[in-house]
Amino acid sequence: MQVLVEFMGVARVVSGTKQATFTLEEGTTFRQIIRLLARKYPQLVGEVIQPDGETFQPSNLLNLNGRRMIQPAQMDDTPQDGDRLVLMSILAGG
C-alpha cells in the first residue's frame, strides 16, 4: 500500500521536505510509520519525534486525510492504501 506523508510547520522546516510517499506492507501501524520517519529523517528526532523513535514530542501529531487527528491510543491502528497523513504541530501562541 502507499501513503503520502505531508510535512507541516516544524516538521517541514527540520526535514527540509514538503511531502514523501511511502510504500508500506499491509498492516503497517502509525507507530511503525513514525519509526520509518525517524530513520529516513533523523533530524526529526528530538525536534518532532521523541528519542525513542516511535512517539511524538508533545504537540506534534498525525492528521489522517484532513479529517481526524490520530491520538496516542490509536498509534497501533493502521492506515489504508492511498491515505494522506499530515505531520503537524499544534502549538498556540498569544
PDB file of N, CA and C in Angstrom:
ATOM      1  N   MET A   1       0.840  -1.176   0.000  1.00  0.00           N
ATOM      2  CA  MET A   1       0.000   0.000   0.000  1.00  0.00           C
ATOM      3  C   MET A   1       0.885   1.239   0.000  1.00  0.00           C
ATOM      4  N   GLN A   2       0.326   2.341  -0.466  1.00  0.00           N
ATOM      5  CA  GLN A   2       1.063   3.606  -0.463  1.00  0.00           C
ATOM      6  C   GLN A   2       0.334   4.634   0.395  1.00  0.00           C
ATOM      7  N   VAL A   3       1.120   5.393   1.146  1.00  0.00           N
ATOM      8  CA  VAL A   3       0.583   6.529   1.894  1.00  0.00           C
ATOM      9  C   VAL A   3       1.455   7.743   1.601  1.00  0.00           C
ATOM     10  N   LEU A   4       0.829   8.886   1.604  1.00  0.00           N
ATOM     11  CA  LEU A   4       1.525  10.152   1.417  1.00  0.00           C
ATOM     12  C   LEU A   4       1.645  10.814   2.774  1.00  0.00           C
ATOM     13  N   VAL A   5       2.843  11.248   3.122  1.00  0.00           N
ATOM     14  CA  VAL A   5       3.059  11.999   4.355  1.00  0.00           C
ATOM     15  C   VAL A   5       3.412  13.423   3.967  1.00  0.00           C
ATOM     16  N   GLU A   6       2.615  14.373   4.439  1.00  0.00           N
ATOM     17  CA  GLU A   6       2.897  15.787   4.235  1.00  0.00           C
ATOM     18  C   GLU A   6       3.502  16.345   5.517  1.00  0.00           C
ATOM     19  N   PHE A   7       4.524  17.150   5.360  1.00  0.00           N
ATOM     20  CA  PHE A   7       5.204  17.754   6.497  1.00  0.00           C
ATOM     21  C   PHE A   7       4.775  19.210   6.611  1.00  0.00           C
ATOM     22  N   MET A   8       4.305  19.595   7.788  1.00  0.00           N
ATOM     23  CA  MET A   8       3.871  20.970   8.016  1.00  0.00           C
ATOM     24  C   MET A   8       4.691  21.581   9.159  1.00  0.00           C
ATOM     25  N   GLY A   9       4.797  22.905   9.162  1.00  0.00           N
ATOM     26  CA  GLY A   9       5.420  23.631  10.270  1.00  0.00           C
ATOM     27  C   GLY A   9       6.834  23.185  10.569  1.00  0.00           C
ATOM     28  N   VAL A  10       7.071  22.889  11.839  1.00  0.00           N
ATOM     29  CA  VAL A  10       8.406  22.495  12.310  1.00  0.00           C
ATOM     30  C   VAL A  10       8.908  21.266  11.562  1.00  0.00           C
ATOM     31  N   ALA A  11       8.034  20.299  11.336  1.00  0.00           N
ATOM     32  CA  ALA A  11       8.444  19.069  10.638  1.00  0.00           C
ATOM     33  C   ALA A  11       8.959  19.381   9.238  1.00  0.00           C
ATOM     34  N   ARG A  12       8.311  20.313   8.552  1.00  0.00           N
ATOM     35  CA  ARG A  12       8.751  20.684   7.202  1.00  0.00           C
ATOM     36  C   ARG A  12      10.097  21.403   7.251  1.00  0.00           C
ATOM     37  N   VAL A  13      10.234  22.325   8.185  1.00  0.00           N
ATOM     38  CA  VAL A  13      11.486  23.081   8.297  1.00  0.00           C
ATOM     39  C   VAL A  13      12.637  22.148   8.652  1.00  0.00           C
ATOM     40  N   VAL A  14      12.437  21.297   9.631  1.00  0.00           N
ATOM     41  CA  VAL A  14      13.513  20.416  10.111  1.00  0.00           C
ATOM     42  C   VAL A  14      13.861  19.342   9.085  1.00  0.00           C
ATOM     43  N   SER A  15      12.854  18.768   8.432  1.00  0.00           N
ATOM     44  CA  SER A  15      13.123  17.695   7.464  1.00  0.00           C
ATOM     45  C   SER A  15      13.612  18.235   6.128  1.00  0.00           C
ATOM     46  N   GLY A  16      13.250  19.492   5.832  1.00  0.00           N
ATOM     47  CA  GLY A  16      13.638  20.071   4.552  1.00  0.00           C
ATOM     48  C   GLY A  16      12.816  19.536   3.391  1.00  0.00           C
ATOM     49  N   THR A  17      11.678  18.938   3.685  1.00  0.00           N
ATOM     50  CA  THR A  17      10.844  18.389   2.619  1.00  0.00           C
ATOM     51  C   THR A  17       9.376  18.725   2.856  1.00  0.00           C
ATOM     52  N   LYS A  18       8.618  18.784   1.774  1.00  0.00           N
ATOM     53  CA  LYS A  18       7.195  19.105   1.848  1.00  0.00           C
ATOM     54  C   LYS A  18       6.350  17.844   1.993  1.00  0.00           C
ATOM     55  N   GLN A  19       6.728  16.787   1.287  1.00  0.00           N
ATOM     56  CA  GLN A  19       5.962  15.544   1.343  1.00  0.00           C
ATOM     57  C   GLN A  19       6.802  14.381   0.860  1.00  0.00           C
ATOM     58  N   ALA A  20       6.355  13.183   1.224  1.00  0.00           N
ATOM     59  CA  ALA A  20       7.038  11.962   0.800  1.00  0.00           C
ATOM     60  C   ALA A  20       5.994  10.855   0.695  1.00  0.00           C
ATOM     61  N   THR A  21       6.136  10.014  -0.321  1.00  0.00           N
ATOM     62  CA  THR A  21       5.260   8.864  -0.497  1.00  0.00           C
ATOM     63  C   THR A  21       6.010   7.620  -0.043  1.00  0.00           C
ATOM     64  N   PHE A  22       5.331   6.791   0.732  1.00  0.00           N
ATOM     65  CA  PHE A  22       5.932   5.573   1.252  1.00  0.00           C
ATOM     66  C   PHE A  22       5.127   4.367   0.791  1.00  0.00           C
ATOM     67  N   THR A  23       5.820   3.335   0.343  1.00  0.00           N
ATOM     68  CA  THR A  23       5.204   2.063   0.029  1.00  0.00           C
ATOM     69  C   THR A  23       5.395   1.182   1.252  1.00  0.00           C
ATOM     70  N   LEU A  24       4.272   0.760   1.838  1.00  0.00           N
ATOM     71  CA  LEU A  24       4.291   0.022   3.093  1.00  0.00           C
ATOM     72  C   LEU A  24       3.591  -1.314   2.940  1.00  0.00           C
ATOM     73  N   GLU A  25       3.913  -2.242   3.817  1.00  0.00           N
ATOM     74  CA  GLU A  25       3.212  -3.521   3.846  1.00  0.00           C
ATOM     75  C   GLU A  25       1.843  -3.314   4.479  1.00  0.00           C
ATOM     76  N   GLU A  26       0.867  -4.089   4.033  1.00  0.00           N
ATOM     77  CA  GLU A  26      -0.450  -4.065   4.670  1.00  0.00           C
ATOM     78  C   GLU A  26      -0.268  -4.341   6.160  1.00  0.00           C
ATOM     79  N   GLY A  27      -1.011  -3.641   6.985  1.00  0.00           N
ATOM     80  CA  GLY A  27      -0.926  -3.848   8.428  1.00  0.00           C
ATOM     81  C   GLY A  27       0.102  -2.974   9.122  1.00  0.00           C
ATOM     82  N   THR A  28       0.830  -2.146   8.368  1.00  0.00           N
ATOM     83  CA  THR A  28       1.793  -1.228   8.983  1.00  0.00           C
ATOM     84  C   THR A  28       1.028  -0.244   9.862  1.00  0.00           C
ATOM     85  N   THR A  29       1.494  -0.056  11.081  1.00  0.00           N
ATOM     86  CA  THR A  29       0.806   0.819  12.030  1.00  0.00           C
ATOM     87  C   THR A  29       1.334   2.251  11.941  1.00  0.00           C
ATOM     88  N   PHE A  30       0.577   3.155  12.527  1.00  0.00           N
ATOM     89  CA  PHE A  30       1.041   4.545  12.593  1.00  0.00           C
ATOM     90  C   PHE A  30       2.354   4.620  13.380  1.00  0.00           C
ATOM     91  N   ARG A  31       2.493   3.823  14.419  1.00  0.00           N
ATOM     92  CA  ARG A  31       3.729   3.797  15.212  1.00  0.00           C
ATOM     93  C   ARG A  31       4.912   3.372  14.333  1.00  0.00           C
ATOM     94  N   GLN A  32       4.702   2.388  13.481  1.00  0.00           N
ATOM     95  CA  GLN A  32       5.764   1.946  12.583  1.00  0.00           C
ATOM     96  C   GLN A  32       6.101   3.028  11.560  1.00  0.00           C
ATOM     97  N   ILE A  33       5.124   3.799  11.157  1.00  0.00           N
ATOM     98  CA  ILE A  33       5.380   4.905  10.238  1.00  0.00           C
ATOM     99  C   ILE A  33       6.250   5.961  10.921  1.00  0.00           C
ATOM    100  N   ILE A  34       6.005   6.231  12.195  1.00  0.00           N
ATOM    101  CA  ILE A  34       6.854   7.173  12.917  1.00  0.00           C
ATOM    102  C   ILE A  34       8.288   6.651  12.976  1.00  0.00           C
ATOM    103  N   ARG A  35       8.444   5.360  13.227  1.00  0.00           N
ATOM    104  CA  ARG A  35       9.798   4.767  13.233  1.00  0.00           C
ATOM    105  C   ARG A  35      10.478   4.957  11.875  1.00  0.00           C
ATOM    106  N   LEU A  36       9.715   4.734  10.809  1.00  0.00           N
ATOM    107  CA  LEU A  36      10.238   4.913   9.457  1.00  0.00           C
ATOM    108  C   LEU A  36      10.669   6.369   9.235  1.00  0.00           C
ATOM    109  N   LEU A  37       9.838   7.302   9.672  1.00  0.00           N
ATOM    110  CA  LEU A  37      10.181   8.723   9.538  1.00  0.00           C
ATOM    111  C   LEU A  37      11.441   9.067  10.334  1.00  0.00           C
ATOM    112  N   ALA A  38      11.573   8.495  11.520  1.00  0.00           N
ATOM    113  CA  ALA A  38      12.759   8.749  12.350  1.00  0.00           C
ATOM    114  C   ALA A  38      14.029   8.235  11.674  1.00  0.00           C
ATOM    115  N   ARG A  39      13.922   7.107  10.983  1.00  0.00           N
ATOM    116  CA  ARG A  39      15.095   6.569  10.269  1.00  0.00           C
ATOM    117  C   ARG A  39      15.403   7.375   9.012  1.00  0.00           C
ATOM    118  N   LYS A  40      14.367   7.717   8.257  1.00  0.00           N
ATOM    119  CA  LYS A  40      14.575   8.431   6.993  1.00  0.00           C
ATOM    120  C   LYS A  40      14.962   9.892   7.208  1.00  0.00           C
ATOM    121  N   TYR A  41      14.412  10.492   8.262  1.00  0.00           N
ATOM    122  CA  TYR A  41      14.682  11.902   8.581  1.00  0.00           C
ATOM    123  C   TYR A  41      15.157  12.004  10.024  1.00  0.00           C
ATOM    124  N   PRO A  42      16.385  11.572  10.311  1.00  0.00           N
ATOM    125  CA  PRO A  42      16.863  11.557  11.701  1.00  0.00           C
ATOM    126  C   PRO A  42      16.874  12.938  12.360  1.00  0.00           C
ATOM    127  N   GLN A  43      16.876  13.984  11.553  1.00  0.00           N
ATOM    128  CA  GLN A  43      16.846  15.330  12.118  1.00  0.00           C
ATOM    129  C   GLN A  43      15.515  15.629  12.822  1.00  0.00           C
ATOM    130  N   LEU A  44      14.476  14.828  12.557  1.00  0.00           N
ATOM    131  CA  LEU A  44      13.194  14.996  13.251  1.00  0.00           C
ATOM    132  C   LEU A  44      13.260  14.519  14.699  1.00  0.00           C
ATOM    133  N   VAL A  45      14.174  13.579  14.981  1.00  0.00           N
ATOM    134  CA  VAL A  45      14.297  13.027  16.334  1.00  0.00           C
ATOM    135  C   VAL A  45      14.827  14.125  17.266  1.00  0.00           C
ATOM    136  N   GLY A  46      14.107  14.319  18.333  1.00  0.00           N
ATOM    137  CA  GLY A  46      14.448  15.362  19.298  1.00  0.00           C
ATOM    138  C   GLY A  46      13.674  16.648  19.063  1.00  0.00           C
ATOM    139  N   GLU A  47      13.287  16.899  17.822  1.00  0.00           N
ATOM    140  CA  GLU A  47      12.529  18.103  17.490  1.00  0.00           C
ATOM    141  C   GLU A  47      11.040  17.798  17.375  1.00  0.00           C
ATOM    142  N   VAL A  48      10.696  16.749  16.652  1.00  0.00           N
ATOM    143  CA  VAL A  48       9.307  16.372  16.383  1.00  0.00           C
ATOM    144  C   VAL A  48       9.005  14.992  16.966  1.00  0.00           C
ATOM    145  N   ILE A  49       9.968  14.104  16.878  1.00  0.00           N
ATOM    146  CA  ILE A  49       9.831  12.730  17.350  1.00  0.00           C
ATOM    147  C   ILE A  49      10.676  12.554  18.611  1.00  0.00           C
ATOM    148  N   GLN A  50      10.121  11.853  19.590  1.00  0.00           N
ATOM    149  CA  GLN A  50      10.849  11.575  20.828  1.00  0.00           C
ATOM    150  C   GLN A  50      12.101  10.743  20.526  1.00  0.00           C
ATOM    151  N   PRO A  51      13.109  10.789  21.416  1.00  0.00           N
ATOM    152  CA  PRO A  51      14.316   9.981  21.208  1.00  0.00           C
ATOM    153  C   PRO A  51      14.062   8.485  21.090  1.00  0.00           C
ATOM    154  N   ASP A  52      12.905   7.998  21.586  1.00  0.00           N
ATOM    155  CA  ASP A  52      12.605   6.567  21.438  1.00  0.00           C
ATOM    156  C   ASP A  52      12.334   6.193  19.978  1.00  0.00           C
ATOM    157  N   GLY A  53      12.129   7.213  19.117  1.00  0.00           N
ATOM    158  CA  GLY A  53      11.941   6.979  17.697  1.00  0.00           C
ATOM    159  C   GLY A  53      10.569   6.484  17.298  1.00  0.00           C
ATOM    160  N   GLU A  54       9.623   6.423  18.244  1.00  0.00           N
ATOM    161  CA  GLU A  54       8.304   5.900  17.879  1.00  0.00           C
ATOM    162  C   GLU A  54       7.141   6.694  18.445  1.00  0.00           C
ATOM    163  N   THR A  55       7.413   7.758  19.151  1.00  0.00           N
ATOM    164  CA  THR A  55       6.349   8.630  19.653  1.00  0.00           C
ATOM    165  C   THR A  55       6.727  10.078  19.364  1.00  0.00           C
ATOM    166  N   PHE A  56       5.718  10.932  19.370  1.00  0.00           N
ATOM    167  CA  PHE A  56       5.948  12.345  19.066  1.00  0.00           C
ATOM    168  C   PHE A  56       6.291  13.147  20.306  1.00  0.00           C
ATOM    169  N   GLN A  57       7.052  14.214  20.080  1.00  0.00           N
ATOM    170  CA  GLN A  57       7.232  15.225  21.110  1.00  0.00           C
ATOM    171  C   GLN A  57       5.850  15.830  21.373  1.00  0.00           C
ATOM    172  N   PRO A  58       5.620  16.359  22.574  1.00  0.00           N
ATOM    173  CA  PRO A  58       4.319  16.985  22.856  1.00  0.00           C
ATOM    174  C   PRO A  58       3.962  18.023  21.793  1.00  0.00           C
ATOM    175  N   SER A  59       2.719  18.066  21.446  1.00  0.00           N
ATOM    176  CA  SER A  59       2.107  18.992  20.483  1.00  0.00           C
ATOM    177  C   SER A  59       2.342  18.625  19.019  1.00  0.00           C
ATOM    178  N   ASN A  60       2.967  17.499  18.734  1.00  0.00           N
ATOM    179  CA  ASN A  60       3.114  17.021  17.357  1.00  0.00           C
ATOM    180  C   ASN A  60       2.211  15.810  17.172  1.00  0.00           C
ATOM    181  N   LEU A  61       1.605  15.712  15.993  1.00  0.00           N
ATOM    182  CA  LEU A  61       0.694  14.601  15.751  1.00  0.00           C
ATOM    183  C   LEU A  61       0.472  14.384  14.271  1.00  0.00           C
ATOM    184  N   LEU A  62      -0.233  13.305  13.970  1.00  0.00           N
ATOM    185  CA  LEU A  62      -0.621  12.984  12.599  1.00  0.00           C
ATOM    186  C   LEU A  62      -2.100  13.283  12.420  1.00  0.00           C
ATOM    187  N   ASN A  63      -2.418  13.874  11.286  1.00  0.00           N
ATOM    188  CA  ASN A  63      -3.797  14.067  10.870  1.00  0.00           C
ATOM    189  C   ASN A  63      -4.035  13.103   9.721  1.00  0.00           C
ATOM    190  N   LEU A  64      -5.153  12.403   9.754  1.00  0.00           N
ATOM    191  CA  LEU A  64      -5.475  11.407   8.743  1.00  0.00           C
ATOM    192  C   LEU A  64      -6.484  11.983   7.756  1.00  0.00           C
ATOM    193  N   ASN A  65      -6.035  12.168   6.518  1.00  0.00           N
ATOM    194  CA  ASN A  65      -6.897  12.615   5.417  1.00  0.00           C
ATOM    195  C   ASN A  65      -7.627  13.926   5.686  1.00  0.00           C
ATOM    196  N   GLY A  66      -7.061  14.771   6.539  1.00  0.00           N
ATOM    197  CA  GLY A  66      -7.683  16.050   6.837  1.00  0.00           C
ATOM    198  C   GLY A  66      -8.968  15.927   7.630  1.00  0.00           C
ATOM    199  N   ARG A  67      -9.219  14.749   8.192  1.00  0.00           N
ATOM    200  CA  ARG A  67     -10.495  14.515   8.878  1.00  0.00           C
ATOM    201  C   ARG A  67     -10.369  14.286  10.369  1.00  0.00           C
ATOM    202  N   ARG A  68      -9.288  13.629  10.790  1.00  0.00           N
ATOM    203  CA  ARG A  68      -9.173  13.351  12.225  1.00  0.00           C
ATOM    204  C   ARG A  68      -7.716  13.268  12.650  1.00  0.00           C
ATOM    205  N   MET A  69      -7.502  13.618  13.909  1.00  0.00           N
ATOM    206  CA  MET A  69      -6.177  13.532  14.497  1.00  0.00           C
ATOM    207  C   MET A  69      -5.990  12.122  15.052  1.00  0.00           C
ATOM    208  N   ILE A  70      -4.820  11.559  14.818  1.00  0.00           N
ATOM    209  CA  ILE A  70      -4.501  10.247  15.365  1.00  0.00           C
ATOM    210  C   ILE A  70      -4.041  10.460  16.809  1.00  0.00           C
ATOM    211  N   GLN A  71      -4.783   9.915  17.733  1.00  0.00           N
ATOM    212  CA  GLN A  71      -4.498  10.062  19.163  1.00  0.00           C
ATOM    213  C   GLN A  71      -3.456   9.037  19.598  1.00  0.00           C
ATOM    214  N   PRO A  72      -2.752   9.302  20.710  1.00  0.00           N
ATOM    215  CA  PRO A  72      -1.737   8.337  21.172  1.00  0.00           C
ATOM    216  C   PRO A  72      -2.275   6.911  21.321  1.00  0.00           C
ATOM    217  N   ALA A  73      -3.506   6.761  21.743  1.00  0.00           N
ATOM    218  CA  ALA A  73      -4.086   5.421  21.910  1.00  0.00           C
ATOM    219  C   ALA A  73      -4.371   4.740  20.572  1.00  0.00           C
ATOM    220  N   GLN A  74      -4.265   5.490  19.465  1.00  0.00           N
ATOM    221  CA  GLN A  74      -4.553   4.934  18.138  1.00  0.00           C
ATOM    222  C   GLN A  74      -3.291   4.645  17.328  1.00  0.00           C
ATOM    223  N   MET A  75      -2.130   4.756  17.943  1.00  0.00           N
ATOM    224  CA  MET A  75      -0.867   4.605  17.208  1.00  0.00           C
ATOM    225  C   MET A  75      -0.655   3.188  16.679  1.00  0.00           C
ATOM    226  N   ASP A  76      -1.363   2.212  17.226  1.00  0.00           N
ATOM    227  CA  ASP A  76      -1.230   0.845  16.719  1.00  0.00           C
ATOM    228  C   ASP A  76      -2.317   0.498  15.702  1.00  0.00           C
ATOM    229  N   ASP A  77      -3.117   1.503  15.313  1.00  0.00           N
ATOM    230  CA  ASP A  77      -4.069   1.334  14.216  1.00  0.00           C
ATOM    231  C   ASP A  77      -3.309   1.444  12.896  1.00  0.00           C
ATOM    232  N   THR A  78      -3.971   1.109  11.800  1.00  0.00           N
ATOM    233  CA  THR A  78      -3.295   1.097  10.504  1.00  0.00           C
ATOM    234  C   THR A  78      -3.984   2.032   9.511  1.00  0.00           C
ATOM    235  N   PRO A  79      -3.192   2.693   8.675  1.00  0.00           N
ATOM    236  CA  PRO A  79      -3.779   3.479   7.588  1.00  0.00           C
ATOM    237  C   PRO A  79      -4.209   2.550   6.459  1.00  0.00           C
ATOM    238  N   GLN A  80      -4.903   3.126   5.510  1.00  0.00           N
ATOM    239  CA  GLN A  80      -5.358   2.386   4.329  1.00  0.00           C
ATOM    240  C   GLN A  80      -4.566   2.859   3.106  1.00  0.00           C
ATOM    241  N   ASP A  81      -4.552   2.051   2.079  1.00  0.00           N
ATOM    242  CA  ASP A  81      -3.887   2.417   0.837  1.00  0.00           C
ATOM    243  C   ASP A  81      -4.440   3.753   0.340  1.00  0.00           C
ATOM    244  N   GLY A  82      -3.553   4.672  -0.005  1.00  0.00           N
ATOM    245  CA  GLY A  82      -3.953   5.966  -0.535  1.00  0.00           C
ATOM    246  C   GLY A  82      -4.197   7.034   0.516  1.00  0.00           C
ATOM    247  N   ASP A  83      -4.067   6.686   1.790  1.00  0.00           N
ATOM    248  CA  ASP A  83      -4.284   7.686   2.841  1.00  0.00           C
ATOM    249  C   ASP A  83      -3.231   8.782   2.779  1.00  0.00           C
ATOM    250  N   ARG A  84      -3.642   9.959   3.241  1.00  0.00           N
ATOM    251  CA  ARG A  84      -2.746  11.114   3.356  1.00  0.00           C
ATOM    252  C   ARG A  84      -2.590  11.423   4.834  1.00  0.00           C
ATOM    253  N   LEU A  85      -1.345  11.396   5.298  1.00  0.00           N
ATOM    254  CA  LEU A  85      -1.028  11.714   6.686  1.00  0.00           C
ATOM    255  C   LEU A  85      -0.337  13.061   6.716  1.00  0.00           C
ATOM    256  N   VAL A  86      -0.813  13.941   7.568  1.00  0.00           N
ATOM    257  CA  VAL A  86      -0.189  15.251   7.718  1.00  0.00           C
ATOM    258  C   VAL A  86       0.507  15.271   9.077  1.00  0.00           C
ATOM    259  N   LEU A  87       1.820  15.441   9.044  1.00  0.00           N
ATOM    260  CA  LEU A  87       2.616  15.551  10.265  1.00  0.00           C
ATOM    261  C   LEU A  87       2.654  17.023  10.630  1.00  0.00           C
ATOM    262  N   MET A  88       2.068  17.365  11.776  1.00  0.00           N
ATOM    263  CA  MET A  88       1.916  18.771  12.110  1.00  0.00           C
ATOM    264  C   MET A  88       2.123  19.031  13.598  1.00  0.00           C
ATOM    265  N   SER A  89       2.364  20.298  13.911  1.00  0.00           N
ATOM    266  CA  SER A  89       2.458  20.765  15.290  1.00  0.00           C
ATOM    267  C   SER A  89       1.185  21.535  15.600  1.00  0.00           C
ATOM    268  N   ILE A  90       0.727  21.418  16.822  1.00  0.00           N
ATOM    269  CA  ILE A  90      -0.470  22.166  17.223  1.00  0.00           C
ATOM    270  C   ILE A  90      -0.109  23.114  18.368  1.00  0.00           C
ATOM    271  N   LEU A  91       0.804  23.990  18.098  1.00  0.00           N
ATOM    272  CA  LEU A  91       1.226  24.976  19.087  1.00  0.00           C
ATOM    273  C   LEU A  91       0.366  26.233  18.942  1.00  0.00           C
ATOM    274  N   ALA A  92       0.112  26.845  20.052  1.00  0.00           N
ATOM    275  CA  ALA A  92      -0.634  28.103  20.036  1.00  0.00           C
ATOM    276  C   ALA A  92       0.203  29.172  20.725  1.00  0.00           C
ATOM    277  N   GLY A  93       0.125  30.336  20.204  1.00  0.00           N
ATOM    278  CA  GLY A  93       0.860  31.446  20.818  1.00  0.00           C
ATOM    279  C   GLY A  93      -0.114  32.510  21.254  1.00  0.00           C
ATOM    280  N   GLY A  94       0.422  33.536  21.856  1.00  0.00           N
ATOM    281  CA  GLY A  94      -0.505  34.573  22.296  1.00  0.00           C
ATOM    282  C   GLY A  94       0.167  35.886  22.427  1.00  0.00           C
TER     283      GLY A  94
END
